[in-house]
Amino acid sequence: MSTSPSKPVGQSTQSKPVKLSYKLKLELEELPGKIEALEQDIARLQTTIADSDFYAGPPNDVSATLEELTDKESRLEQVIERWMELEEQANQ
């Protein structure tokens, strides 16, 4: 009667540090630049919206600018979450 080898009880599958793949390392390196670009875009849009004449402009332009701001803020949040996820993986 033969038994198949098994892991000892209590031994974790992640006992070795997990290294990021080349593709993930590149993504991690690019994310700070993407974050900075999004932050600059958001600041530009907020400056535009803060202008006293902004809401007096064409309604379609106002709506499009507000929608763009919302989209950029959402994208920034996603990129920051991804950056944090990859940083955590890299530091394990």
N, C-alpha and C. Protein backbone atom coordinates (compact mmCIF):
# COMPACT_ATOMS: atom_id res chain seq x y z
N MET A 1 0.84 -1.17 0.00
CA MET A 1 0.00 0.00 0.00
C MET A 1 0.89 1.25 0.00
N SER A 2 0.73 2.09 -1.02
CA SER A 2 1.54 3.30 -1.09
C SER A 2 0.66 4.51 -0.86
N THR A 3 1.22 5.50 -0.25
CA THR A 3 0.48 6.74 -0.02
C THR A 3 1.15 7.85 -0.81
N SER A 4 0.36 8.75 -1.29
CA SER A 4 0.92 9.87 -2.04
C SER A 4 1.49 10.88 -1.06
N PRO A 5 2.59 11.52 -1.46
CA PRO A 5 3.17 12.52 -0.55
C PRO A 5 2.22 13.69 -0.37
N SER A 6 2.17 14.20 0.83
CA SER A 6 1.33 15.36 1.10
C SER A 6 2.11 16.34 1.96
N LYS A 7 1.61 17.57 1.98
CA LYS A 7 2.28 18.59 2.77
C LYS A 7 2.04 18.33 4.25
N PRO A 8 3.03 18.62 5.06
CA PRO A 8 2.79 18.50 6.50
C PRO A 8 1.69 19.46 6.93
N VAL A 9 0.93 19.05 7.90
CA VAL A 9 -0.17 19.86 8.39
C VAL A 9 0.38 21.16 8.99
N GLY A 10 -0.26 22.28 8.64
CA GLY A 10 0.12 23.57 9.18
C GLY A 10 1.16 24.31 8.34
N GLN A 11 1.68 23.67 7.30
CA GLN A 11 2.67 24.36 6.46
C GLN A 11 1.93 25.17 5.40
N SER A 12 2.22 26.43 5.36
CA SER A 12 1.55 27.34 4.44
C SER A 12 2.11 27.19 3.03
N THR A 13 1.27 27.42 2.04
CA THR A 13 1.73 27.37 0.65
C THR A 13 2.54 28.60 0.30
N GLN A 14 2.46 29.65 1.12
CA GLN A 14 3.18 30.88 0.83
C GLN A 14 4.32 31.09 1.83
N SER A 15 5.08 30.04 2.08
CA SER A 15 6.19 30.18 3.01
C SER A 15 7.35 30.94 2.37
N LYS A 16 7.44 30.91 1.04
CA LYS A 16 8.47 31.64 0.32
C LYS A 16 7.89 32.98 -0.13
N PRO A 17 8.72 34.02 -0.15
CA PRO A 17 8.22 35.30 -0.65
C PRO A 17 7.82 35.19 -2.12
N VAL A 18 6.71 35.82 -2.46
CA VAL A 18 6.23 35.79 -3.83
C VAL A 18 6.86 36.96 -4.58
N LYS A 19 7.52 36.64 -5.69
CA LYS A 19 8.12 37.70 -6.50
C LYS A 19 7.14 38.07 -7.60
N LEU A 20 7.15 39.35 -7.94
CA LEU A 20 6.30 39.82 -9.03
C LEU A 20 6.88 39.38 -10.36
N SER A 21 6.02 39.06 -11.28
CA SER A 21 6.47 38.74 -12.62
C SER A 21 6.99 40.01 -13.29
N TYR A 22 7.69 39.82 -14.38
CA TYR A 22 8.25 40.97 -15.11
C TYR A 22 7.14 41.93 -15.51
N LYS A 23 6.04 41.37 -16.00
CA LYS A 23 4.91 42.20 -16.44
C LYS A 23 4.35 43.02 -15.28
N LEU A 24 4.21 42.39 -14.11
CA LEU A 24 3.68 43.11 -12.96
C LEU A 24 4.66 44.15 -12.44
N LYS A 25 5.95 43.86 -12.52
CA LYS A 25 6.96 44.85 -12.12
C LYS A 25 6.87 46.08 -13.01
N LEU A 26 6.71 45.86 -14.31
CA LEU A 26 6.57 47.00 -15.23
C LEU A 26 5.32 47.81 -14.90
N GLU A 27 4.23 47.10 -14.64
CA GLU A 27 2.98 47.79 -14.30
C GLU A 27 3.17 48.62 -13.03
N LEU A 28 3.83 48.04 -12.02
CA LEU A 28 4.08 48.75 -10.76
C LEU A 28 4.92 50.00 -10.98
N GLU A 29 5.90 49.90 -11.86
CA GLU A 29 6.77 51.04 -12.15
C GLU A 29 6.02 52.16 -12.89
N GLU A 30 5.02 51.80 -13.70
CA GLU A 30 4.28 52.78 -14.48
C GLU A 30 3.18 53.48 -13.68
N LEU A 31 2.71 52.84 -12.64
CA LEU A 31 1.55 53.37 -11.91
C LEU A 31 1.79 54.74 -11.27
N PRO A 32 2.94 55.03 -10.64
CA PRO A 32 3.11 56.38 -10.09
C PRO A 32 2.97 57.48 -11.14
N GLY A 33 3.46 57.24 -12.35
CA GLY A 33 3.30 58.22 -13.42
C GLY A 33 1.85 58.40 -13.81
N LYS A 34 1.10 57.30 -13.85
CA LYS A 34 -0.32 57.38 -14.17
C LYS A 34 -1.08 58.13 -13.08
N ILE A 35 -0.71 57.86 -11.83
CA ILE A 35 -1.35 58.54 -10.71
C ILE A 35 -1.09 60.04 -10.80
N GLU A 36 0.15 60.42 -11.06
CA GLU A 36 0.50 61.83 -11.16
C GLU A 36 -0.26 62.52 -12.29
N ALA A 37 -0.34 61.85 -13.44
CA ALA A 37 -1.05 62.42 -14.59
C ALA A 37 -2.54 62.60 -14.27
N LEU A 38 -3.14 61.61 -13.64
CA LEU A 38 -4.55 61.73 -13.28
C LEU A 38 -4.77 62.84 -12.26
N GLU A 39 -3.87 62.96 -11.28
CA GLU A 39 -3.99 64.03 -10.29
C GLU A 39 -3.89 65.40 -10.95
N GLN A 40 -3.01 65.54 -11.93
CA GLN A 40 -2.88 66.81 -12.65
C GLN A 40 -4.14 67.12 -13.45
N ASP A 41 -4.68 66.09 -14.12
CA ASP A 41 -5.92 66.28 -14.88
C ASP A 41 -7.06 66.70 -13.95
N ILE A 42 -7.15 66.06 -12.80
CA ILE A 42 -8.21 66.38 -11.85
C ILE A 42 -8.05 67.81 -11.34
N ALA A 43 -6.83 68.20 -11.03
CA ALA A 43 -6.57 69.57 -10.56
C ALA A 43 -6.95 70.59 -11.63
N ARG A 44 -6.63 70.28 -12.89
CA ARG A 44 -6.98 71.18 -14.00
C ARG A 44 -8.50 71.32 -14.11
N LEU A 45 -9.20 70.19 -14.04
CA LEU A 45 -10.66 70.22 -14.14
C LEU A 45 -11.28 70.96 -12.95
N GLN A 46 -10.74 70.75 -11.76
CA GLN A 46 -11.27 71.44 -10.58
C GLN A 46 -11.06 72.95 -10.68
N THR A 47 -9.93 73.35 -11.26
CA THR A 47 -9.67 74.77 -11.48
C THR A 47 -10.68 75.35 -12.46
N THR A 48 -10.96 74.59 -13.52
CA THR A 48 -11.94 75.03 -14.51
C THR A 48 -13.31 75.18 -13.88
N ILE A 49 -13.70 74.20 -13.07
CA ILE A 49 -15.01 74.21 -12.43
C ILE A 49 -15.12 75.34 -11.40
N ALA A 50 -14.00 75.67 -10.75
CA ALA A 50 -14.00 76.71 -9.74
C ALA A 50 -14.13 78.11 -10.33
N ASP A 51 -13.91 78.23 -11.63
CA ASP A 51 -14.04 79.53 -12.30
C ASP A 51 -15.48 80.02 -12.16
N SER A 52 -15.63 81.28 -11.82
CA SER A 52 -16.96 81.83 -11.58
C SER A 52 -17.86 81.79 -12.82
N ASP A 53 -17.28 81.78 -14.01
CA ASP A 53 -18.07 81.75 -15.24
C ASP A 53 -18.36 80.33 -15.75
N PHE A 54 -17.84 79.34 -15.05
CA PHE A 54 -17.97 77.97 -15.56
C PHE A 54 -19.43 77.56 -15.78
N TYR A 55 -20.26 77.74 -14.76
CA TYR A 55 -21.65 77.29 -14.86
C TYR A 55 -22.50 78.17 -15.78
N ALA A 56 -21.95 79.31 -16.18
CA ALA A 56 -22.67 80.18 -17.11
C ALA A 56 -22.44 79.75 -18.56
N GLY A 57 -21.53 78.81 -18.74
CA GLY A 57 -21.21 78.33 -20.08
C GLY A 57 -22.28 77.40 -20.62
N PRO A 58 -22.06 76.90 -21.83
CA PRO A 58 -23.02 75.99 -22.45
C PRO A 58 -23.26 74.75 -21.57
N PRO A 59 -24.51 74.39 -21.37
CA PRO A 59 -24.84 73.25 -20.50
C PRO A 59 -24.14 71.94 -20.92
N ASN A 60 -23.99 71.73 -22.21
CA ASN A 60 -23.32 70.51 -22.66
C ASN A 60 -21.86 70.48 -22.23
N ASP A 61 -21.20 71.65 -22.28
CA ASP A 61 -19.80 71.74 -21.85
C ASP A 61 -19.68 71.52 -20.34
N VAL A 62 -20.60 72.11 -19.59
CA VAL A 62 -20.59 71.96 -18.14
C VAL A 62 -20.77 70.49 -17.78
N SER A 63 -21.75 69.87 -18.39
CA SER A 63 -22.04 68.46 -18.13
C SER A 63 -20.85 67.56 -18.50
N ALA A 64 -20.27 67.82 -19.66
CA ALA A 64 -19.14 67.02 -20.12
C ALA A 64 -17.94 67.17 -19.19
N THR A 65 -17.68 68.37 -18.72
CA THR A 65 -16.56 68.61 -17.81
C THR A 65 -16.78 67.93 -16.47
N LEU A 66 -17.99 68.03 -15.94
CA LEU A 66 -18.29 67.38 -14.67
C LEU A 66 -18.20 65.86 -14.79
N GLU A 67 -18.66 65.34 -15.92
CA GLU A 67 -18.58 63.89 -16.15
C GLU A 67 -17.12 63.45 -16.28
N GLU A 68 -16.32 64.24 -16.97
CA GLU A 68 -14.89 63.93 -17.11
C GLU A 68 -14.21 63.92 -15.74
N LEU A 69 -14.55 64.88 -14.90
CA LEU A 69 -13.98 64.93 -13.56
C LEU A 69 -14.35 63.67 -12.77
N THR A 70 -15.59 63.28 -12.82
CA THR A 70 -16.05 62.07 -12.13
C THR A 70 -15.31 60.84 -12.64
N ASP A 71 -15.17 60.73 -13.95
CA ASP A 71 -14.47 59.60 -14.55
C ASP A 71 -13.00 59.56 -14.12
N LYS A 72 -12.35 60.70 -14.12
CA LYS A 72 -10.92 60.77 -13.74
C LYS A 72 -10.75 60.42 -12.27
N GLU A 73 -11.65 60.90 -11.41
CA GLU A 73 -11.56 60.58 -9.99
C GLU A 73 -11.75 59.08 -9.75
N SER A 74 -12.68 58.49 -10.47
CA SER A 74 -12.92 57.06 -10.36
C SER A 74 -11.70 56.27 -10.84
N ARG A 75 -11.15 56.69 -11.95
CA ARG A 75 -9.96 56.02 -12.51
C ARG A 75 -8.78 56.15 -11.55
N LEU A 76 -8.61 57.32 -10.95
CA LEU A 76 -7.54 57.53 -9.99
C LEU A 76 -7.67 56.56 -8.82
N GLU A 77 -8.87 56.41 -8.32
CA GLU A 77 -9.12 55.49 -7.21
C GLU A 77 -8.74 54.06 -7.60
N GLN A 78 -9.10 53.65 -8.80
CA GLN A 78 -8.77 52.30 -9.28
C GLN A 78 -7.26 52.11 -9.40
N VAL A 79 -6.58 53.11 -9.94
CA VAL A 79 -5.14 53.01 -10.14
C VAL A 79 -4.41 52.97 -8.79
N ILE A 80 -4.86 53.76 -7.83
CA ILE A 80 -4.24 53.75 -6.50
C ILE A 80 -4.45 52.39 -5.83
N GLU A 81 -5.64 51.84 -5.95
CA GLU A 81 -5.92 50.52 -5.38
C GLU A 81 -5.01 49.46 -6.01
N ARG A 82 -4.84 49.53 -7.32
CA ARG A 82 -3.97 48.57 -8.01
C ARG A 82 -2.53 48.74 -7.56
N TRP A 83 -2.08 49.99 -7.42
CA TRP A 83 -0.72 50.27 -6.97
C TRP A 83 -0.50 49.69 -5.57
N MET A 84 -1.47 49.90 -4.68
CA MET A 84 -1.34 49.37 -3.31
C MET A 84 -1.30 47.85 -3.33
N GLU A 85 -2.10 47.23 -4.17
CA GLU A 85 -2.13 45.78 -4.28
C GLU A 85 -0.78 45.24 -4.74
N LEU A 86 -0.21 45.86 -5.77
CA LEU A 86 1.08 45.40 -6.29
C LEU A 86 2.21 45.68 -5.30
N GLU A 87 2.16 46.81 -4.61
CA GLU A 87 3.17 47.13 -3.60
C GLU A 87 3.14 46.08 -2.49
N GLU A 88 1.94 45.69 -2.08
CA GLU A 88 1.80 44.69 -1.04
C GLU A 88 2.39 43.36 -1.49
N GLN A 89 2.11 42.97 -2.71
CA GLN A 89 2.67 41.73 -3.25
C GLN A 89 4.18 41.79 -3.33
N ALA A 90 4.72 42.92 -3.73
CA ALA A 90 6.16 43.07 -3.90
C ALA A 90 6.88 43.04 -2.55
N ASN A 91 6.21 43.47 -1.50
CA ASN A 91 6.84 43.55 -0.18
C ASN A 91 6.63 42.32 0.67
N GLN A 92 6.03 41.29 0.13
CA GLN A 92 5.82 40.06 0.90
C GLN A 92 7.06 39.22 0.90
